[in-house]
Amino acid sequence: MLIVLTITTALISNSTSFSNAAVGLILGLSGIKFLLVAFQFMELKKANSAWKYTLIIVLTLIISLVLLIF
C-alpha cells in the first residue's frame, strides 16, 4: 500500500505543474502514508485514544498551514 501511494505521488508530481490541486493531492497522499506508518509500525492502534486524536489533529494542522502558505 505504501509503495502504491509513493508511486502515485511521483506520477502526480511528474505529470502536472505545481498547481494548488497537485499540491493538495500530494499532501493528502502524504498524510495518508504518514497515518498508515504511524498506526502500523508505531503500533498506535494499541495506544490511548488521546494519542491517536493528537496525531490526527497535528497532521491536519500541519497540512492546513502548508496549504494556506502555498
Foldseek 3Di string as FASTA:
>chain_A
DLVVLVVVLVCLPVPDPPDLVNLLSNLVSVLVSVLVCCCPVVVCVPPDVVVVVVVVVVSVVVSVVVSVVD
